[in-house]
Protein backbone atom coordinates (compact mmCIF):
# COMPACT_ATOMS: atom_id res chain seq x y z
CA MET A 1 -63.76 38.27 33.66
CA LYS A 2 -61.24 39.28 31.07
CA VAL A 3 -60.34 35.17 31.31
CA LEU A 4 -63.79 34.35 30.25
CA LYS A 5 -63.62 35.91 28.01
CA ASN A 6 -59.89 34.27 27.12
CA LEU A 7 -61.61 30.67 27.37
CA VAL A 8 -64.12 31.07 25.60
CA ILE A 9 -61.87 32.60 22.44
CA CYS A 10 -60.34 29.53 23.24
CA GLY A 11 -62.04 27.23 23.73
CA LEU A 12 -64.45 27.87 19.98
CA ALA A 13 -60.96 27.82 18.02
CA ALA A 14 -60.33 24.57 18.90
CA ALA A 15 -63.49 23.74 18.74
CA LEU A 16 -63.80 24.91 14.87
CA SER A 17 -60.34 23.34 14.21
CA PHE A 18 -61.74 19.82 15.12
CA GLY A 19 -64.98 20.60 13.34
CA ALA A 20 -63.07 21.50 9.98
CA VAL A 21 -60.70 18.56 10.59
CA ALA A 22 -63.42 16.21 10.37
CA SER A 23 -65.52 18.04 7.84
CA GLU A 24 -62.13 17.22 6.29
CA GLN A 25 -61.56 14.01 6.86
CA GLN A 26 -65.03 12.62 5.66
CA SER A 27 -64.78 14.62 2.10
CA PHE A 28 -61.45 12.34 2.15
CA ALA A 29 -62.68 9.66 2.85
CA GLU A 30 -65.79 10.10 0.62
CA LEU A 31 -63.46 10.61 -2.11
CA LYS A 32 -62.02 7.46 -1.93
CA SER A 33 -64.86 5.84 -1.86
CA LYS A 34 -66.41 7.52 -5.25
CA ALA A 35 -62.48 6.83 -6.67
CA SER A 36 -62.17 2.95 -5.11
CA GLY A 37 -65.36 2.31 -6.95
CA LYS A 38 -65.13 3.73 -10.27
CA LEU A 39 -60.87 2.94 -10.21
CA GLY A 40 -61.68 -0.94 -9.22
CA LEU A 41 -58.70 -0.85 -7.01
CA ASP A 42 -56.86 -0.63 -3.60
CA ILE A 43 -56.15 3.02 -2.16
CA ILE A 44 -53.85 3.26 -0.26
CA SER A 45 -53.79 6.97 1.71
CA ILE A 46 -55.60 9.86 -0.20
CA LYS A 47 -54.07 13.63 0.65
CA PRO A 48 -54.09 17.22 -1.38
CA ALA A 49 -51.80 17.24 -4.38
CA ALA A 50 -49.48 19.24 -5.21
CA VAL A 51 -51.61 20.69 -7.64
CA ASP A 52 -54.76 22.81 -6.71
CA GLY A 53 -57.47 20.94 -7.40
CA LEU A 54 -56.21 17.60 -8.27
CA PHE A 55 -55.53 14.38 -4.90
CA GLU A 56 -53.07 11.91 -5.07
CA LEU A 57 -54.25 8.90 -4.08
CA MET A 58 -51.46 5.74 -3.77
CA THR A 59 -52.47 2.72 -5.08
CA ASP A 60 -51.92 -0.68 -5.09
CA ARG A 61 -51.04 0.00 -9.04
CA GLY A 62 -48.79 3.38 -8.29
CA ILE A 63 -50.12 6.73 -7.85
CA PHE A 64 -53.09 8.25 -9.50
CA TYR A 65 -54.59 12.27 -9.70
CA ILE A 66 -58.23 13.24 -8.51
CA THR A 67 -60.07 15.64 -9.04
CA ALA A 68 -62.60 16.94 -5.90
CA ASP A 69 -65.46 15.08 -7.76
CA ALA A 70 -63.50 12.09 -8.45
CA ARG A 71 -65.10 12.68 -12.40
CA TYR A 72 -61.41 13.27 -13.63
CA LEU A 73 -58.35 10.64 -13.10
CA VAL A 74 -54.83 11.15 -14.59
CA ARG A 75 -51.96 9.37 -14.18
CA GLY A 76 -48.82 10.95 -14.16
CA ASN A 77 -45.64 13.05 -13.23
CA ILE A 78 -46.11 15.82 -12.13
CA TYR A 79 -42.29 17.77 -11.81
CA ASP A 80 -41.75 21.16 -9.48
CA SER A 81 -40.89 23.86 -12.02
CA GLU A 82 -39.26 26.20 -9.36
CA ASN A 83 -37.37 23.16 -7.72
CA GLY A 84 -34.85 22.37 -10.48
CA LEU A 85 -37.47 20.05 -11.90
CA ALA A 86 -38.37 17.33 -9.36
CA ASN A 87 -40.51 15.05 -10.25
CA LEU A 88 -43.31 15.07 -6.79
CA THR A 89 -44.82 11.99 -7.95
CA GLU A 90 -40.84 9.40 -8.29
CA LEU A 91 -40.41 11.29 -4.95
CA ALA A 92 -43.96 10.33 -3.16
CA MET A 93 -43.42 6.75 -4.91
CA GLY A 94 -40.44 6.72 -3.55
CA GLU A 95 -41.52 7.69 0.35
CA MET A 96 -44.21 3.99 -0.47
CA ARG A 97 -41.42 2.01 -2.57
CA LEU A 98 -39.44 2.15 0.73
CA ASP A 99 -41.37 0.96 3.83
CA LYS A 100 -42.95 -1.67 1.38
CA LEU A 101 -39.38 -3.19 0.82
CA ALA A 102 -38.69 -3.17 4.56
CA LYS A 103 -41.85 -5.73 5.21
CA PHE A 104 -38.96 -7.95 3.06
CA GLU A 105 -35.84 -8.14 4.38
CA THR A 106 -35.55 -10.93 6.28
CA SER A 107 -36.70 -12.93 2.84
CA MET A 108 -34.56 -10.83 0.22
CA ILE A 109 -30.88 -13.08 -0.78
CA THR A 110 -28.44 -9.97 0.36
CA TYR A 111 -24.12 -9.34 -1.48
CA PRO A 112 -22.91 -7.22 1.11
CA ALA A 113 -20.33 -5.26 0.13
CA LYS A 114 -17.70 -4.61 3.20
CA ASP A 115 -17.36 -1.87 3.14
CA GLU A 116 -21.07 -0.82 2.51
CA LYS A 117 -21.50 2.98 1.25
CA PHE A 118 -25.27 2.51 -0.31
CA GLN A 119 -27.13 -0.70 -0.35
CA VAL A 120 -29.70 -0.92 -3.57
CA THR A 121 -32.22 -3.36 -4.33
CA VAL A 122 -33.09 -5.08 -7.95
CA PHE A 123 -36.18 -7.13 -8.75
CA THR A 124 -34.68 -10.09 -10.33
CA ASP A 125 -35.34 -12.50 -12.93
CA VAL A 126 -32.21 -15.62 -13.25
CA ASP A 127 -33.43 -16.23 -16.93
CA CYS A 128 -32.64 -12.12 -17.74
CA GLY A 129 -29.89 -11.67 -20.00
CA TYR A 130 -29.16 -8.37 -18.32
CA CYS A 131 -29.99 -8.97 -14.35
CA ARG A 132 -26.88 -11.55 -15.34
CA LYS A 133 -24.85 -9.01 -16.65
CA LEU A 134 -25.43 -7.19 -13.03
CA HIS A 135 -24.80 -10.43 -10.82
CA ALA A 136 -21.82 -11.06 -12.88
CA ARG A 137 -20.75 -7.63 -12.04
CA ILE A 138 -21.33 -8.24 -7.88
CA PRO A 139 -17.96 -8.01 -7.11
CA GLN A 140 -17.38 -4.35 -8.91
CA TYR A 141 -20.78 -3.40 -6.94
CA ASN A 142 -18.90 -4.63 -3.90
CA ASP A 143 -16.06 -3.09 -4.26
CA LEU A 144 -17.67 0.78 -5.04
CA GLY A 145 -19.08 0.12 -1.47
CA ILE A 146 -22.64 -1.36 -2.64
CA THR A 147 -24.76 -3.60 -1.31
CA VAL A 148 -26.84 -5.80 -3.31
CA ARG A 149 -29.99 -7.11 -2.15
CA TYR A 150 -32.57 -8.97 -4.33
CA LEU A 151 -36.15 -10.32 -4.54
CA ALA A 152 -37.55 -12.21 -7.45
CA PHE A 153 -40.10 -11.20 -10.75
CA PRO A 154 -40.10 -13.96 -12.40
CA ARG A 155 -41.42 -12.23 -14.95
CA GLY A 156 -42.93 -15.32 -17.09
CA GLY A 157 -45.83 -15.45 -14.47
CA GLU A 158 -46.19 -18.59 -11.84
CA ARG A 159 -46.86 -20.56 -15.03
CA SER A 160 -42.74 -19.83 -16.07
CA LYS A 161 -39.64 -21.65 -15.67
CA ALA A 162 -38.50 -18.91 -14.02
CA TRP A 163 -40.58 -19.23 -11.77
CA ARG A 164 -39.92 -22.14 -10.66
CA ASP A 165 -36.77 -21.99 -10.79
CA MET A 166 -36.73 -18.75 -8.16
CA GLN A 167 -39.64 -20.59 -5.64
CA SER A 168 -36.90 -23.31 -5.59
CA LEU A 169 -33.90 -20.88 -4.73
CA TRP A 170 -36.14 -19.29 -2.19
CA CYS A 171 -36.27 -22.57 -0.84
CA SER A 172 -32.32 -24.07 -0.83
CA LYS A 173 -30.18 -24.11 1.50
CA ASP A 174 -27.28 -22.51 0.32
CA GLN A 175 -29.22 -19.34 -1.45
CA ARG A 176 -27.00 -17.04 -2.79
CA LYS A 177 -24.69 -19.78 -3.97
CA ALA A 178 -28.13 -21.74 -6.03
CA MET A 179 -28.39 -17.55 -6.74
CA ASP A 180 -25.12 -17.79 -9.02
CA ASP A 181 -25.92 -21.21 -10.00
CA LEU A 182 -28.62 -20.46 -11.82
CA LYS A 183 -27.25 -16.85 -12.95
CA ALA A 184 -24.72 -18.53 -14.36
CA GLY A 185 -27.03 -20.93 -16.53
CA SER A 186 -26.47 -23.99 -14.53
CA THR A 187 -29.40 -25.83 -13.37
CA ILE A 188 -30.35 -26.51 -9.50
CA ALA A 189 -32.48 -29.30 -7.28
CA GLN A 190 -36.20 -28.63 -7.36
CA ALA A 191 -37.52 -28.20 -3.77
CA THR A 192 -40.22 -25.91 -2.38
CA CYS A 193 -41.51 -25.42 0.67
CA PRO A 194 -43.22 -21.83 2.07
CA ASN A 195 -41.68 -19.36 0.39
CA ARG A 196 -42.21 -15.18 -0.82
CA VAL A 197 -42.17 -15.05 -4.56
CA PRO A 198 -44.87 -15.33 -5.11
CA GLU A 199 -45.44 -11.96 -2.41
CA HIS A 200 -41.64 -10.44 -4.42
CA TYR A 201 -43.50 -10.76 -7.94
CA ASP A 202 -46.98 -8.34 -5.99
CA LEU A 203 -44.91 -5.96 -5.14
CA GLY A 204 -43.05 -5.35 -8.15
CA VAL A 205 -46.35 -5.01 -9.55
CA GLU A 206 -47.52 -3.13 -7.33
CA LEU A 207 -44.06 -0.79 -7.27
CA GLY A 208 -44.47 -0.70 -11.54
CA VAL A 209 -42.30 -3.16 -12.03
CA THR A 210 -42.60 -3.66 -15.65
CA GLY A 211 -39.26 -5.29 -16.62
CA THR A 212 -35.78 -7.26 -14.43
CA PRO A 213 -33.37 -6.15 -13.62
CA ALA A 214 -35.54 -3.37 -11.47
CA ILE A 215 -33.22 -1.55 -9.11
CA ILE A 216 -34.54 0.20 -6.57
CA LEU A 217 -31.96 2.77 -4.64
CA ASP A 218 -31.53 3.46 -1.00
CA ASN A 219 -33.80 6.90 -1.41
CA GLY A 220 -36.91 5.06 -2.99
CA THR A 221 -36.54 6.39 -6.43
CA MET A 222 -36.77 2.91 -9.34
CA ILE A 223 -33.74 2.70 -12.05
CA PRO A 224 -35.71 0.47 -14.62
CA GLY A 225 -32.31 -1.89 -17.24
CA TYR A 226 -29.28 -2.70 -15.91
CA GLN A 227 -26.86 -0.14 -14.33
CA ASP A 228 -22.30 -1.09 -14.63
CA PRO A 229 -21.14 -0.17 -11.64
CA ALA A 230 -20.53 2.72 -12.66
CA GLN A 231 -23.22 4.08 -13.97
CA LEU A 232 -25.03 3.06 -10.64
CA LEU A 233 -22.01 4.45 -7.92
CA LYS A 234 -23.07 8.21 -10.23
CA ALA A 235 -26.66 7.48 -9.59
CA LEU A 236 -26.40 6.68 -5.82
CA LYS A 237 -24.32 9.93 -5.05
CA GLY A 238 -27.27 11.81 -6.93
């Protein structure tokens, strides 16, 4: 009888646990549906936020926070004052950025460090002055053990000259030479081919890129703007 009683108790506990999980999933689904309708954004995931009463929405336009009734929406960073003012929003975005970037590795133009210690991904525009300044110092970044990987982000959009140049760049047989030439102010032969420049641009928008260069560190943190080799190494070392 004791064994049977224990089995009954375990069964009830499992049923209650399953019921709680199912109820939670249903609540998340309902909130996701409400939020999606109000925001008009693609919601990738939803989970409780670090702040009681708020839920974290990972969307195709970054992170939002929303109340359980979907009435109030918050856009901004949450900091943990008991953990060195850690930016919890940026940490969550960092994980998402790395996951997204992994799908584009084969379409990046890479300048590898011989003795690689760190790896950064840079959204770049060939007509951007600070992008050219960064590119001119590639050997110095490499000497510090920093591998630089490029994705395209022509700021003027698909009607801009930079967009056309960057599509030709990604269609070049020698992409690194074409990158060097464009960043030096030279022209390259126009070319067309199936390429992922439009996807790079959309990815940059999704990850919160608003200007170039935008540098994503190997922990997913994004630094907007130019960083000289010493500054970048310091940021990578944390």
